[in-house]
Protein backbone atom coordinates (compact mmCIF):
# COMPACT_ATOMS: atom_id res chain seq x y z
CA MET A 1 -4.67 -4.27 24.31
CA ASN A 2 -2.79 -0.99 24.33
CA ALA A 3 -0.94 0.65 21.45
CA GLN A 4 2.42 -0.85 22.47
CA LYS A 5 1.08 -4.42 22.39
CA ILE A 6 -0.76 -3.93 19.10
CA SER A 7 2.37 -2.40 17.57
CA LYS A 8 4.62 -5.27 18.67
CA MET A 9 2.13 -7.77 17.26
CA LEU A 10 2.05 -5.93 13.93
CA ASP A 11 5.86 -5.60 13.88
CA ASN A 12 6.11 -9.38 14.13
CA LEU A 13 3.29 -10.05 11.66
CA LEU A 14 4.77 -7.76 9.02
CA ASP A 15 8.40 -8.68 9.76
CA VAL A 16 9.21 -4.97 10.00
CA GLU A 17 12.85 -5.34 11.07
CA THR A 18 13.90 -7.07 7.83
CA PHE A 19 13.15 -4.05 5.63
CA LYS A 20 15.48 -1.23 4.70
CA ASP A 21 13.02 1.62 4.37
CA SER A 22 13.00 5.41 4.50
CA SER A 23 9.84 5.11 6.57
CA ASN A 24 10.44 4.63 10.29
CA ASN A 25 8.02 1.72 10.40
CA GLY A 26 6.28 0.78 13.61
CA LEU A 27 4.83 2.90 16.39
CA GLN A 28 5.66 6.50 15.41
CA VAL A 29 3.55 8.31 18.01
CA ASP A 30 2.51 6.68 21.29
CA ASN A 31 -0.45 7.60 23.49
CA SER A 32 -1.11 7.42 27.23
CA GLY A 33 -1.13 3.62 27.30
CA LYS A 34 -4.89 3.29 27.57
CA GLU A 35 -6.77 0.31 26.20
CA ILE A 36 -7.42 0.72 22.50
CA LYS A 37 -11.12 0.68 21.76
CA LYS A 38 -11.22 2.12 18.23
CA ILE A 39 -8.66 1.82 15.40
CA LEU A 40 -8.85 3.68 12.10
CA THR A 41 -6.71 2.54 9.17
CA GLY A 42 -5.88 4.54 6.06
CA VAL A 43 -3.30 5.15 3.37
CA ASP A 44 -1.88 8.54 4.40
CA ALA A 45 -1.19 10.04 7.82
CA SER A 46 -2.54 13.54 7.18
CA GLN A 47 -4.46 16.33 8.87
CA GLU A 48 -7.60 15.28 6.99
CA PHE A 49 -7.24 11.68 8.13
CA PHE A 50 -6.48 12.68 11.73
CA GLU A 51 -9.55 14.91 11.83
CA HIS A 52 -11.72 11.96 10.81
CA ALA A 53 -10.01 9.84 13.46
CA VAL A 54 -10.89 12.40 16.12
CA ALA A 55 -14.49 12.64 14.92
CA LEU A 56 -14.85 8.84 15.02
CA GLY A 57 -13.39 8.57 18.52
CA SER A 58 -10.27 6.63 17.46
CA ASP A 59 -7.58 5.74 19.99
CA MET A 60 -5.11 4.56 17.35
CA VAL A 61 -4.51 5.04 13.63
CA ILE A 62 -2.63 2.71 11.31
CA CYS A 63 -1.31 4.19 8.05
CA HIS A 64 0.71 2.96 5.08
CA HIS A 65 2.42 6.35 4.81
CA GLY A 66 3.28 7.67 8.27
CA ILE A 67 4.74 11.00 9.38
CA SER A 68 8.28 9.87 10.23
CA TRP A 69 10.64 9.41 7.25
CA GLY A 70 14.39 9.37 7.86
CA ASP A 71 15.08 12.46 9.99
CA SER A 72 11.86 14.23 8.92
CA LEU A 73 10.90 14.78 12.57
CA LYS A 74 14.25 16.36 13.40
CA ARG A 75 12.39 19.60 14.09
CA ILE A 76 8.84 19.67 15.43
CA THR A 77 7.75 22.79 13.55
CA GLY A 78 5.21 23.58 10.82
CA LEU A 79 3.26 20.54 9.69
CA ASN A 80 5.24 18.29 12.03
CA TYR A 81 3.96 20.30 14.99
CA LYS A 82 0.38 20.33 13.71
CA ASN A 83 0.36 16.58 13.02
CA ILE A 84 1.83 15.61 16.37
CA LYS A 85 -0.32 18.12 18.25
CA ILE A 86 -3.63 16.78 16.95
CA LEU A 87 -2.55 13.23 17.86
CA MET A 88 -1.33 14.13 21.33
CA ASP A 89 -4.22 16.47 22.11
CA ASN A 90 -6.60 13.60 21.38
CA ASP A 91 -4.45 10.81 22.87
CA ILE A 92 -4.22 8.97 19.52
CA ALA A 93 -1.36 6.59 18.73
CA LEU A 94 0.05 6.32 15.20
CA TYR A 95 1.48 3.14 13.67
CA ALA A 96 3.02 3.19 10.18
CA CYS A 97 3.89 0.29 7.87
CA HIS A 98 5.29 1.16 4.45
CA LEU A 99 7.36 -1.43 2.53
CA PRO A 100 6.43 -4.24 4.95
CA LEU A 101 2.79 -3.73 4.00
CA ASP A 102 3.58 -3.67 0.29
CA ALA A 103 5.42 -6.97 0.54
CA HIS A 104 3.40 -9.09 2.96
CA GLY A 105 2.22 -12.31 1.34
CA VAL A 106 -1.28 -12.23 2.85
CA TYR A 107 -2.21 -8.72 4.00
CA GLY A 108 0.06 -6.70 1.72
CA ASN A 109 -1.05 -4.37 -1.06
CA ASN A 110 0.37 -6.47 -3.86
CA ALA A 111 -0.80 -9.84 -2.55
CA GLN A 112 -4.29 -8.40 -2.13
CA ILE A 113 -4.25 -6.97 -5.67
CA VAL A 114 -3.29 -10.25 -7.36
CA ARG A 115 -6.01 -11.92 -5.29
CA ALA A 116 -8.57 -9.32 -6.38
CA LEU A 117 -7.60 -9.92 -10.02
CA GLU A 118 -7.89 -13.69 -9.43
CA LEU A 119 -4.43 -14.41 -10.82
CA LYS A 120 -3.00 -17.91 -10.59
CA ASN A 121 0.53 -19.24 -10.13
CA VAL A 122 1.34 -16.28 -7.88
CA LYS A 123 5.04 -15.67 -7.16
CA PRO A 124 7.13 -12.93 -5.50
CA PHE A 125 8.27 -10.26 -7.96
CA GLY A 126 10.20 -7.00 -7.91
CA GLU A 127 13.28 -6.34 -5.79
CA TYR A 128 13.62 -3.03 -3.95
CA HIS A 129 16.46 -2.27 -1.52
CA GLY A 130 17.18 -5.97 -1.09
CA ASN A 131 13.58 -7.03 -0.48
CA VAL A 132 11.04 -8.42 -2.92
CA ILE A 133 7.93 -6.30 -2.49
CA GLY A 134 5.59 -7.23 -5.37
CA PHE A 135 3.92 -10.27 -6.83
CA SER A 136 3.28 -11.71 -10.27
CA GLY A 137 0.66 -14.11 -11.54
CA GLU A 138 -1.19 -15.21 -14.60
CA PHE A 139 -4.64 -15.91 -15.90
CA GLY A 140 -5.65 -19.50 -16.54
CA ASN A 141 -6.32 -18.57 -20.15
CA ALA A 142 -5.12 -15.56 -22.08
CA ILE A 143 -7.52 -12.61 -22.10
CA LYS A 144 -7.76 -9.49 -24.25
CA TYR A 145 -5.64 -6.63 -22.97
CA ASP A 146 -8.66 -4.35 -23.28
CA ASP A 147 -10.58 -6.70 -20.98
CA PHE A 148 -7.72 -6.56 -18.47
CA LYS A 149 -7.93 -2.78 -18.39
CA LYS A 150 -11.66 -3.04 -17.74
CA LEU A 151 -10.95 -5.50 -14.92
CA VAL A 152 -8.51 -3.06 -13.31
CA GLU A 153 -11.10 -0.29 -13.60
CA LYS A 154 -13.64 -2.52 -11.86
CA LYS A 155 -11.39 -3.89 -9.10
CA ILE A 156 -9.02 -0.99 -8.40
CA SER A 157 -9.81 2.37 -9.99
CA LYS A 158 -11.89 3.87 -12.77
CA ASN A 159 -9.10 6.37 -13.40
CA ILE A 160 -6.27 4.49 -15.08
CA GLN A 161 -3.42 5.55 -17.35
CA THR A 162 -1.85 3.11 -19.76
CA MET A 163 1.16 2.60 -22.01
CA ASP A 164 0.01 0.13 -24.62
CA PHE A 165 3.13 -1.39 -26.12
CA GLY A 166 2.62 -5.08 -25.35
CA PRO A 167 0.50 -7.88 -26.79
CA SER A 168 -3.22 -7.44 -27.46
CA GLU A 169 -3.88 -10.71 -25.62
CA ILE A 170 -2.23 -11.12 -22.23
CA LYS A 171 -1.69 -13.82 -19.64
CA SER A 172 1.14 -12.82 -17.27
CA VAL A 173 0.96 -9.79 -14.95
CA ALA A 174 3.55 -8.25 -12.63
CA VAL A 175 2.33 -5.99 -9.80
CA ILE A 176 4.04 -3.40 -7.60
CA SER A 177 1.72 -0.87 -5.99
CA GLY A 178 2.31 2.85 -5.44
CA GLY A 179 5.16 4.84 -6.94
CA ALA A 180 7.03 2.04 -8.70
CA ALA A 181 7.05 3.20 -12.32
CA SER A 182 10.83 2.83 -12.51
CA ASP A 183 10.57 -0.88 -11.74
CA ILE A 184 8.89 -1.61 -15.06
CA HIS A 185 12.25 -2.79 -16.38
CA GLN A 186 11.97 -5.82 -14.08
CA ALA A 187 8.67 -6.72 -15.75
CA GLY A 188 10.23 -6.25 -19.17
CA GLU A 189 13.26 -8.35 -18.31
CA GLY A 190 10.95 -11.01 -16.88
CA GLY A 191 8.94 -11.23 -20.09
CA PHE A 192 5.60 -10.24 -18.55
CA ASP A 193 2.71 -9.11 -20.73
CA VAL A 194 1.53 -6.38 -18.33
CA TYR A 195 3.08 -4.31 -15.56
CA LEU A 196 0.53 -2.95 -13.07
CA SER A 197 1.49 -0.16 -10.68
CA GLY A 198 0.21 3.06 -9.14
CA GLU A 199 1.68 6.34 -10.41
CA ALA A 200 2.32 6.82 -14.11
CA ALA A 201 5.68 8.48 -14.83
CA LEU A 202 7.71 9.42 -17.87
CA MET A 203 10.54 7.12 -16.74
CA ALA A 204 8.31 4.12 -17.55
CA TYR A 205 7.45 5.16 -21.11
CA SER A 206 10.63 4.21 -22.98
CA PRO A 207 11.17 0.90 -21.10
CA ALA A 208 7.54 -0.07 -21.78
CA ARG A 209 8.01 0.66 -25.47
CA GLU A 210 11.44 -0.95 -25.76
CA PHE A 211 10.54 -4.10 -23.81
CA ALA A 212 7.16 -4.26 -25.62
CA VAL A 213 5.29 -4.58 -22.33
CA ASN A 214 1.91 -3.06 -21.51
CA ALA A 215 1.80 -0.80 -18.47
CA VAL A 216 -1.32 0.03 -16.47
CA PHE A 217 -1.22 2.66 -13.71
CA ALA A 218 -4.24 2.73 -11.40
CA GLY A 219 -3.14 5.47 -9.00
CA HIS A 220 -0.75 5.53 -6.04
CA TYR A 221 -3.57 5.88 -3.53
CA LYS A 222 -5.98 3.41 -5.13
CA THR A 223 -3.36 0.65 -5.36
CA GLU A 224 -2.46 1.09 -1.70
CA VAL A 225 -5.85 0.97 0.00
CA PHE A 226 -5.65 -2.82 -0.06
CA GLY A 227 -3.13 -3.41 2.71
CA VAL A 228 -4.62 -1.10 5.35
CA LYS A 229 -8.08 -2.38 4.49
CA ALA A 230 -6.87 -5.96 5.02
CA LEU A 231 -5.22 -5.03 8.34
CA ALA A 232 -8.49 -3.59 9.62
CA LYS A 233 -10.25 -6.87 8.85
CA PHE A 234 -7.42 -8.86 10.43
CA LEU A 235 -7.53 -6.88 13.68
CA SER A 236 -11.29 -7.18 13.83
CA ASN A 237 -11.49 -10.88 12.99
CA GLU A 238 -8.45 -12.15 14.91
CA TYR A 239 -8.46 -9.87 17.96
CA GLY A 240 -12.04 -8.63 18.18
CA LEU A 241 -10.87 -5.01 17.94
CA ASP A 242 -13.10 -2.28 16.55
CA ALA A 243 -10.98 -1.56 13.48
CA GLU A 244 -12.27 0.34 10.44
CA PHE A 245 -10.73 1.39 7.13
CA LEU A 246 -11.39 4.99 6.08
CA ASP A 247 -11.31 5.70 2.34
CA LEU A 248 -10.57 9.34 1.47
CA ASP A 249 -11.05 8.43 -2.21
CA ILE A 250 -7.97 10.30 -3.46
CA LYS A 251 -7.61 10.14 -7.23
CA PHE A 252 -3.80 10.29 -7.55
């Protein structure tokens, strides 16, 4: 399979066309059309990530955060030039999947997180630009909020920030990965015990306090390794491709 065929398959799998997104999802940089022998997946399309891709002999990279956002590639100067040059010099294709990979019910960041936390009664949660991108669920029996924080530290990140305004025993959890602090009001309005997201932000503090909902932030990067990691496994298991997830272990 070449990059074009892999990209079309992923476009269909992730239902890319249904999302209104600032990211130009899909194949952002093509290559020469050669057969893809090595795929590297990761959260951010960056110089550091591309350098690893070159060192590992990758023909294609798949990232949650690509390099083309709106008209960001209007001028190929500065970092745009450096990013595109390293890809083209090494004949590496770049595929990006932002909101579609947050929202996907099997391989998406949020679906994978609720699965990792072993939540039950999982349902779509959290509307963003007309699409529901998160998930909610609950524990079979209520657990201590302190134990939930320990679970997040074990399953997602040891570096968490919290806003502890909800009940000391919790059952229901709403999840939106990444930079979704402002969406805490949807968890509060929905009556959830905990809102789990990536980046902590001041805009979440007052809603958390006023809705009396706990908020746990496990890092933008750490909450968004799940989708690209799942895609690597999917490509390997379903298509026999040599696909590998690279963790840069970013703390933010």
